[in-house]
């Protein structure tokens, strides 16, 4: 009987339907370890509308049944759900509206969550990056701030990148944002990359970022990189 149910779940899921989610209502009785997930590892919702619909269905069906799932199984389920969320909107929706949280659970899925964030923000511009960082749960900003700092540096690395006014404004806000936990080396690298840009409008924010440096607690007395960048 279990094999037949698993086959039905797999067949329905890969047809991009959502009837199979009903298994969560009876999983505690027929598959308490949610092993059926192993048959769905290849499932992907490449269409964003389908993914949004899946998350909505998950909110209605999975969330009410989470408390009947043992903790280790819930962690496994949550990691699988997080991997399905290939955009930040779906990831935030899953995090806020589907998953139930406590400190132990959040710690267990932290690495999976941050890696999904890294993958999701790797394809966006500065406007998208700033938008996504503002939407992050506050208790997770410290955990993923390095990922966002790295992406800011990546965006600045190409001197020939075309910068719109909106993207310049967004990158400036990110560089000014203390909640990104900017480190000394990050700021120096940002200044150096901005100084090498071929876009005049981006070069124009250099004095503001430099002013931030002078008002910070950072020091450059030994290596004296800042004067070299300013030349």
Foldseek 3Di string as FASTA:
>chain_A
DLVVLLVVLLVQVQVLHDPNLQCLVCCLPRPLLPPSVVSCLVREDPDPVSLVVNLVVLLVRVQVSLVSHDDVSSLVVLLSNLVRDLALVSNLSCVPRRDDDDPVSCVSCVVSNLVSVLRHCQPDALLVLLVSLVPDDLVCLVVNLVSSLVSLLVNLQDLADDDDPSRLVSSLVNLVDCSSVDDPVSLLSSLLSLLSHPDVVSVVCSVVSVVVVVVDPDDDVPVPSVVVSVD
